[in-house]
Protein backbone atom coordinates (compact mmCIF):
# COMPACT_ATOMS: atom_id res chain seq x y z
CA MET A 1 -5.10 57.06 41.58
CA LYS A 2 -5.05 56.92 37.72
CA ASP A 3 -1.89 59.45 37.58
CA LYS A 4 -0.07 56.81 39.91
CA ILE A 5 -0.68 53.74 38.22
CA THR A 6 1.95 55.00 35.63
CA LYS A 7 3.99 54.31 37.62
CA ILE A 8 4.28 50.60 37.73
CA ILE A 9 3.71 50.33 33.81
CA ARG A 10 6.71 49.15 32.20
CA PRO A 11 8.84 51.76 30.78
CA ASN A 12 8.89 50.07 27.16
CA CYS A 13 5.42 50.67 26.81
CA LYS A 14 5.01 54.01 27.99
CA GLY A 15 4.61 56.19 24.96
CA PHE A 16 4.01 53.19 23.26
CA GLU A 17 2.41 53.96 20.13
CA PRO A 18 -0.09 51.06 19.26
CA TYR A 19 -0.32 50.51 15.14
CA VAL A 20 -3.17 52.16 13.62
CA ALA A 21 -5.50 49.69 11.73
CA GLY A 22 -7.77 50.83 8.47
CA LYS A 23 -10.95 52.15 9.23
CA PRO A 24 -14.13 49.39 8.46
CA VAL A 25 -16.00 50.68 5.10
CA GLU A 26 -19.32 51.03 7.38
CA THR A 27 -17.60 53.45 9.37
CA ILE A 28 -16.02 55.52 6.54
CA LYS A 29 -19.96 55.71 5.04
CA ARG A 30 -21.14 57.03 8.32
CA GLU A 31 -18.72 59.44 8.99
CA LEU A 32 -18.60 61.00 5.66
CA GLY A 33 -22.03 60.32 4.36
CA LEU A 34 -21.50 58.16 1.90
CA LYS A 35 -22.89 56.01 -0.20
CA THR A 36 -20.05 54.29 -1.89
CA VAL A 37 -16.60 53.66 -0.34
CA VAL A 38 -13.76 51.59 -2.06
CA LYS A 39 -11.49 49.71 0.67
CA LEU A 40 -8.80 49.54 -0.49
CA ALA A 41 -6.23 50.09 2.38
CA SER A 42 -5.63 46.76 4.19
CA ASN A 43 -4.47 44.19 1.59
CA GLU A 44 -6.97 42.18 1.75
CA ASN A 45 -8.14 39.54 -1.12
CA PRO A 46 -10.72 41.67 -3.16
CA LEU A 47 -11.77 37.85 -4.38
CA GLY A 48 -13.20 37.08 -0.76
CA PRO A 49 -12.29 33.30 0.52
CA SER A 50 -12.83 29.75 -0.82
CA LYS A 51 -16.60 28.72 -1.10
CA LYS A 52 -14.97 25.65 0.25
CA ALA A 53 -13.98 27.74 3.66
CA VAL A 54 -17.55 29.64 3.79
CA GLN A 55 -19.16 25.98 3.87
CA ALA A 56 -16.76 24.98 6.41
CA ILE A 57 -17.57 27.96 8.93
CA LYS A 58 -21.59 27.15 8.28
CA ASP A 59 -20.52 23.69 8.67
CA ASN A 60 -19.15 24.80 12.05
CA LEU A 61 -20.88 27.14 13.99
CA ASN A 62 -22.92 25.51 15.64
CA ALA A 63 -19.67 24.26 17.68
CA ILE A 64 -18.74 26.98 18.65
CA PHE A 65 -19.93 26.83 22.33
CA PHE A 66 -16.32 24.88 22.54
CA TYR A 67 -13.09 26.18 22.90
CA PRO A 68 -11.10 24.92 19.60
CA ASP A 69 -8.57 22.38 19.57
CA SER A 70 -5.68 23.89 20.96
CA ASN A 71 -3.44 22.38 18.87
CA SER A 72 -4.75 22.73 15.51
CA TYR A 73 -4.70 19.44 14.80
CA GLU A 74 -5.96 19.08 11.98
CA LEU A 75 -4.37 22.06 10.14
CA LYS A 76 -1.13 21.24 11.12
CA LYS A 77 -1.92 18.13 8.97
CA ALA A 78 -3.12 19.89 6.08
CA LEU A 79 -0.17 22.42 6.23
CA SER A 80 2.00 19.12 7.01
CA GLN A 81 0.12 17.09 3.60
CA ARG A 82 0.40 20.10 1.89
CA TYR A 83 3.83 21.60 1.91
CA ARG A 84 5.70 18.09 3.23
CA LEU A 85 6.64 18.87 6.21
CA PRO A 86 6.71 17.27 9.68
CA THR A 87 3.87 18.55 12.13
CA GLY A 88 6.75 18.89 14.68
CA ASN A 89 7.93 22.01 12.60
CA ILE A 90 5.17 23.65 12.05
CA PHE A 91 3.34 26.02 14.70
CA THR A 92 -0.37 28.58 14.15
CA ALA A 93 -1.04 31.41 15.56
CA ALA A 94 -3.40 34.35 15.06
CA GLY A 95 -2.41 36.02 11.95
CA GLY A 96 1.00 36.98 11.40
CA ASP A 97 1.20 39.59 14.16
CA GLU A 98 1.07 37.06 16.65
CA ILE A 99 3.79 35.18 15.27
CA ILE A 100 5.96 38.19 15.28
CA GLU A 101 5.30 39.17 19.13
CA LEU A 102 5.02 35.17 19.84
CA ALA A 103 9.25 35.23 18.43
CA ALA A 104 9.77 38.15 20.50
CA LYS A 105 8.14 36.95 23.87
CA LEU A 106 10.57 34.03 23.57
CA PHE A 107 14.18 35.14 22.63
CA PHE A 108 14.11 39.32 22.71
CA ASP A 109 15.55 40.61 25.71
CA ARG A 110 17.07 44.09 26.59
CA GLU A 111 20.94 43.80 25.74
CA ASP A 112 19.77 42.09 22.42
CA GLU A 113 19.88 44.40 19.57
CA ILE A 114 17.56 43.23 16.90
CA VAL A 115 18.47 43.90 12.39
CA ILE A 116 15.50 45.11 10.31
CA SER A 117 15.22 47.14 7.32
CA LYS A 118 14.14 50.35 6.47
CA HIS A 119 10.73 50.35 5.55
CA ALA A 120 9.80 47.44 6.82
CA PHE A 121 7.14 46.29 8.36
CA ILE A 122 6.56 48.69 10.92
CA ARG A 123 5.40 45.84 13.50
CA TYR A 124 8.98 44.64 13.88
CA GLY A 125 9.93 47.98 15.55
CA MET A 126 7.46 47.29 17.64
CA ALA A 127 8.59 44.26 18.87
CA ALA A 128 11.71 45.06 19.58
CA GLN A 129 10.60 48.41 21.65
CA LEU A 130 7.87 46.28 23.82
CA MET A 131 10.40 44.28 24.80
CA GLY A 132 13.34 46.65 26.01
CA SER A 133 15.71 45.20 22.92
CA LYS A 134 17.62 47.57 20.76
CA ALA A 135 16.69 47.87 16.65
CA VAL A 136 19.36 48.17 14.03
CA VAL A 137 17.85 50.22 11.18
CA VAL A 138 19.68 49.42 7.56
CA PRO A 139 18.96 51.82 4.48
CA MET A 140 17.23 49.85 1.38
CA LYS A 141 18.87 49.62 -2.11
CA ASN A 142 17.82 51.52 -4.86
CA GLY A 143 14.80 50.57 -5.62
CA PHE A 144 13.42 49.48 -2.28
CA ILE A 145 14.62 46.65 -1.93
CA HIS A 146 16.67 45.14 1.75
CA ASP A 147 19.58 45.20 1.57
CA LEU A 148 20.32 41.97 2.76
CA LYS A 149 24.34 42.21 2.26
CA ALA A 150 24.05 44.95 4.87
CA MET A 151 22.04 43.84 7.01
CA ALA A 152 24.15 40.90 7.66
CA LYS A 153 27.39 42.99 8.48
CA ALA A 154 24.82 44.85 10.65
CA CYS A 155 24.81 42.16 12.80
CA THR A 156 26.86 42.18 16.46
CA LYS A 157 27.59 40.14 18.78
CA LYS A 158 24.21 41.68 20.50
CA THR A 159 22.20 40.44 17.70
CA LYS A 160 19.71 38.45 18.90
CA ALA A 161 17.10 38.25 15.68
CA VAL A 162 16.83 39.56 11.74
CA PHE A 163 13.55 40.52 10.72
CA VAL A 164 13.44 39.49 6.68
CA THR A 165 9.95 40.89 4.77
CA ASN A 166 10.00 39.14 1.52
CA PRO A 167 8.10 40.39 -0.52
CA ASN A 168 8.38 43.48 1.60
CA ASN A 169 5.36 45.32 2.55
CA PRO A 170 4.75 48.64 1.94
CA THR A 171 7.58 48.41 -1.32
CA GLY A 172 6.34 45.22 -2.51
CA THR A 173 9.87 44.38 -3.52
CA TYR A 174 11.81 40.96 -3.52
CA ASN A 175 14.38 39.69 -2.34
CA THR A 176 16.31 36.86 -4.22
CA LYS A 177 16.76 32.81 -4.11
CA LYS A 178 20.54 33.98 -4.40
CA GLU A 179 20.46 36.98 -1.99
CA LEU A 180 18.53 35.25 0.64
CA SER A 181 20.66 32.29 0.23
CA GLY A 182 24.09 34.51 0.85
CA PHE A 183 23.30 36.29 3.21
CA LEU A 184 22.03 32.98 5.23
CA LYS A 185 25.41 32.02 5.07
CA ALA A 186 26.61 35.59 6.14
CA LEU A 187 25.64 36.30 9.32
CA PRO A 188 28.01 36.04 12.11
CA LEU A 189 28.11 34.23 15.28
CA ASN A 190 26.74 36.48 18.13
CA LYS A 191 27.47 36.21 21.83
CA TYR A 192 25.23 33.29 22.15
CA GLY A 193 27.45 31.21 20.10
CA VAL A 194 25.05 31.04 17.31
CA LYS A 195 23.87 32.63 13.97
CA PRO A 196 21.10 35.30 14.92
CA LEU A 197 17.57 34.22 14.42
CA VAL A 198 15.88 34.93 11.33
CA ILE A 199 12.45 35.99 10.95
CA LEU A 200 10.61 34.97 7.56
CA ASP A 201 8.00 36.78 7.09
CA GLU A 202 6.12 35.65 4.01
CA ALA A 203 2.85 37.07 3.84
CA TYR A 204 2.18 37.13 0.39
CA PHE A 205 4.70 34.56 -0.52
CA GLU A 206 1.53 33.21 -2.92
CA TYR A 207 1.85 36.06 -5.06
CA ALA A 208 5.28 36.67 -5.37
CA SER A 209 6.03 33.01 -5.47
CA LEU A 210 4.87 33.71 -9.95
CA ASN A 211 8.44 35.47 -9.99
CA ARG A 212 11.12 32.87 -10.92
CA ASP A 213 13.35 34.06 -8.47
CA TYR A 214 11.53 34.27 -5.96
CA PRO A 215 13.10 32.24 -2.98
CA ASP A 216 10.99 29.70 -0.85
CA GLY A 217 11.87 30.10 2.70
CA LEU A 218 10.96 26.57 3.33
CA ASP A 219 14.03 25.45 1.40
CA PHE A 220 16.09 26.90 3.81
CA LEU A 221 15.20 25.64 6.67
CA LYS A 222 16.82 22.16 6.48
CA ASN A 223 20.34 23.84 6.57
CA ASN A 224 19.23 26.70 8.90
CA PRO A 225 18.43 26.15 12.52
CA ASN A 226 18.07 29.58 12.90
CA LEU A 227 15.03 30.32 10.19
CA ILE A 228 11.33 30.58 11.31
CA VAL A 229 9.50 30.90 7.54
CA PHE A 230 6.13 32.34 8.69
CA ARG A 231 2.85 32.76 6.68
CA THR A 232 -0.74 34.05 6.06
CA PHE A 233 -4.26 32.67 5.64
CA SER A 234 -5.25 36.80 5.26
CA LYS A 235 -3.81 37.39 2.21
CA ILE A 236 -4.42 35.98 -0.99
CA TYR A 237 -6.94 33.37 0.43
CA GLY A 238 -8.68 35.52 1.88
CA LEU A 239 -9.11 35.02 5.92
CA ALA A 240 -8.16 38.61 7.38
CA GLY A 241 -11.61 38.61 9.31
CA LEU A 242 -10.59 35.31 10.95
CA ARG A 243 -6.96 36.17 11.65
CA VAL A 244 -4.70 32.93 11.45
CA GLY A 245 -1.34 32.85 10.56
CA TYR A 246 0.98 29.61 10.64
CA GLY A 247 5.03 29.48 10.59
CA PHE A 248 7.73 26.60 9.74
CA ALA A 249 10.85 26.53 12.38
CA ASN A 250 12.85 23.50 13.57
CA GLU A 251 11.34 21.26 16.40
CA CYS A 252 13.34 22.84 19.44
CA ILE A 253 11.54 26.69 18.05
CA VAL A 254 8.62 25.31 17.62
CA ASP A 255 8.31 23.20 20.89
CA TYR A 256 9.42 26.44 23.01
CA ILE A 257 6.40 28.73 20.67
CA GLU A 258 3.99 25.97 21.70
CA ARG A 259 4.50 26.49 25.62
CA ILE A 260 4.25 29.76 25.58
CA ARG A 261 1.68 30.53 22.75
CA PRO A 262 -1.84 31.60 24.19
CA PRO A 263 -4.41 28.43 24.90
CA PHE A 264 -6.65 27.75 22.34
CA ASN A 265 -5.72 30.99 19.99
CA VAL A 266 -6.85 29.97 17.31
CA ASN A 267 -10.49 29.22 16.95
CA ILE A 268 -12.27 26.62 15.80
CA LEU A 269 -14.13 28.65 12.68
CA ALA A 270 -10.59 29.48 11.57
CA GLN A 271 -9.36 26.38 12.03
CA ALA A 272 -11.54 25.10 9.59
CA ALA A 273 -12.05 27.41 7.34
CA ALA A 274 -8.08 27.32 6.89
CA VAL A 275 -8.35 23.86 6.26
CA ALA A 276 -11.39 24.04 3.47
CA SER A 277 -8.81 26.63 2.33
CA LEU A 278 -5.67 24.77 1.54
CA GLN A 279 -7.94 22.11 -0.15
CA ASP A 280 -8.97 24.73 -3.10
CA LYS A 281 -6.21 25.72 -5.30
CA LYS A 282 -9.05 27.00 -7.79
CA GLN A 283 -9.08 30.44 -5.48
CA VAL A 284 -5.81 30.83 -5.23
CA LYS A 285 -4.85 30.40 -8.87
CA LYS A 286 -7.50 32.62 -9.14
CA GLY A 287 -5.90 35.61 -6.82
CA GLN A 288 -2.93 35.24 -8.73
CA LYS A 289 -4.49 36.06 -12.04
CA LEU A 290 -6.23 38.49 -11.20
CA MET A 291 -3.67 40.18 -9.48
CA LYS A 292 -0.87 40.31 -12.66
CA LYS A 293 -3.45 41.44 -14.85
CA GLU A 294 -5.02 44.22 -12.30
CA LYS A 295 -1.44 45.13 -11.55
CA GLU A 296 -1.24 45.78 -14.83
CA TYR A 297 -3.28 47.74 -15.66
CA MET A 298 -2.81 50.63 -12.94
CA TYR A 299 0.63 50.38 -13.90
CA LYS A 300 -0.32 51.69 -17.48
CA GLU A 301 -2.57 54.03 -15.42
CA PHE A 302 0.47 55.45 -13.16
CA GLU A 303 2.61 55.48 -15.99
CA LYS A 304 0.06 57.63 -18.12
CA LEU A 305 -0.81 60.25 -15.33
CA GLY A 306 3.50 60.37 -15.30
CA VAL A 307 3.19 59.34 -11.23
CA LYS A 308 5.93 57.09 -9.83
CA TYR A 309 5.41 53.64 -8.87
CA ILE A 310 7.46 50.59 -7.47
CA LYS A 311 6.56 47.74 -9.11
CA SER A 312 5.63 44.86 -6.86
CA ALA A 313 5.66 41.10 -6.53
CA ALA A 314 2.75 41.62 -3.50
CA ASN A 315 -1.45 42.88 -4.10
CA PHE A 316 -0.50 46.27 -3.71
CA ILE A 317 1.06 48.92 -5.08
CA LEU A 318 3.88 51.84 -3.53
CA PHE A 319 3.76 55.34 -5.66
CA ASN A 320 4.21 58.57 -5.17
CA VAL A 321 1.68 61.47 -4.30
CA SER A 322 4.59 64.61 -5.25
CA PRO A 323 3.85 67.63 -4.89
CA LEU A 324 1.41 66.17 -2.40
CA LYS A 325 1.99 64.74 0.53
CA GLY A 326 0.42 61.24 2.37
CA LYS A 327 -1.04 62.45 4.79
CA GLU A 328 -3.01 65.04 2.47
CA PHE A 329 -3.67 62.78 -0.16
CA PHE A 330 -5.51 60.17 1.94
CA PRO A 331 -8.41 62.74 2.89
CA LEU A 332 -9.14 64.21 -0.41
CA MET A 333 -8.94 60.32 -1.81
CA LEU A 334 -11.19 59.49 1.62
CA LYS A 335 -13.23 62.19 0.36
CA GLU A 336 -13.51 60.78 -3.29
CA GLY A 337 -14.59 57.26 -1.40
CA VAL A 338 -11.10 55.65 -1.82
CA ILE A 339 -9.22 54.64 1.35
CA THR A 340 -5.53 53.94 0.73
CA ARG A 341 -2.84 53.87 3.19
CA ALA A 342 -0.83 57.16 3.33
CA MET A 343 3.32 55.84 4.52
CA GLY A 344 4.24 58.40 7.09
CA GLU A 345 4.82 56.07 9.22
CA TYR A 346 7.00 54.12 7.22
CA ASP A 347 9.24 57.43 6.96
CA LEU A 348 8.10 57.62 3.07
CA PRO A 349 5.56 61.03 3.61
CA ASP A 350 5.77 61.13 -0.21
CA TRP A 351 4.09 57.79 -0.62
CA VAL A 352 0.45 56.30 -0.76
CA ARG A 353 0.24 52.45 -0.90
CA VAL A 354 -2.66 50.98 -2.95
CA THR A 355 -4.42 47.78 -2.82
CA VAL A 356 -5.09 46.36 -5.74
CA GLY A 357 -8.64 45.69 -6.12
CA LEU A 358 -11.42 44.13 -8.95
CA HIS A 359 -11.15 45.74 -12.09
CA LYS A 360 -13.97 48.27 -10.92
CA GLU A 361 -12.59 49.41 -8.22
CA ASN A 362 -9.39 50.41 -9.66
CA GLU A 363 -11.00 51.83 -12.16
CA MET A 364 -12.44 54.08 -9.52
CA PHE A 365 -9.76 54.67 -7.87
CA VAL A 366 -7.90 55.49 -11.05
CA LYS A 367 -10.98 58.42 -11.35
CA LYS A 368 -10.54 59.51 -8.64
CA LEU A 369 -6.38 59.89 -8.44
CA LYS A 370 -6.81 61.91 -11.91
CA LYS A 371 -9.07 63.79 -10.42
CA ILE A 372 -7.03 64.92 -7.30
CA ILE A 373 -3.90 65.17 -9.38
CA ARG A 374 -5.54 68.13 -11.47
CA THR A 375 -6.74 69.67 -8.42
CA ALA A 376 -2.67 69.13 -7.06
CA VAL A 377 -1.09 70.83 -10.05
């Protein structure tokens, strides 16, 4: 009977490979018998959440037997005030991953093509596959940067949507204001008589915004009704464990997202912590300052070791471990108590992504990296 059940599974789900999440620190300690483990794999903020967010969680603990406000009213109001947009242009979700899936469920069909960049966040291709759409993959430019001109040219009458990550995970590179503006203008009409949907992932917005030519996706919303911009509280705000993301789009798109999303998708504690986080601008600046300082430290160390790396606008760095492969480097580093992320699944077999942590964590990473390099050469 178990084997027969597979006959009724949707064809798109057969052979579907799950997203491989990093293991928790405690699991690695237990499995490898290590006392000290540093997790530099999932791009969390090493500073943790705002104290205001933690207090908001404590203040709401006694209310967790209630369902949350399904409309996330207070959070939308806070986002509206922060970004000066009507609440009708704002939606919330259980992290950026749910936003990607909501967009896919709302728009993607079997006959559709979805344009994505090579080496972009893997969840975009997964979303297209899940809905039976065809993913059209466009090579990057030199420097591991999205080739937006080529992506626009790759759009056909069948193109329903284009995913753009800015800055991109896992390369850390970004497209400029000029490039994004030109891309949005260059998109052709599809068979529906409209420009393809552009899903702009700005998960690392707060880090990348320190670059003068980095674009704020919200500046393009008014003149681009086909644009969805989304961000998250999982990165600089340090709320990855609560799963809360948010997005911006025209009122029509938001209305339909609200119709299809699961009710109560953002829990009580997540909503409260997110509202409090928006009120703590000092915490954001602290995170930005840490990343700027520690990335420079790590760049210099990579250069001393002769390790090729990509300068990043986010809170992680992609680096080359040749002559090793990423899948070989990862367990070696793991045995040393440092969790990184091999990039083979992104078609980058010689590369590894490391999250920039606290200085002592980064020092430990560099020390172990030196040890592995000496052994490998």
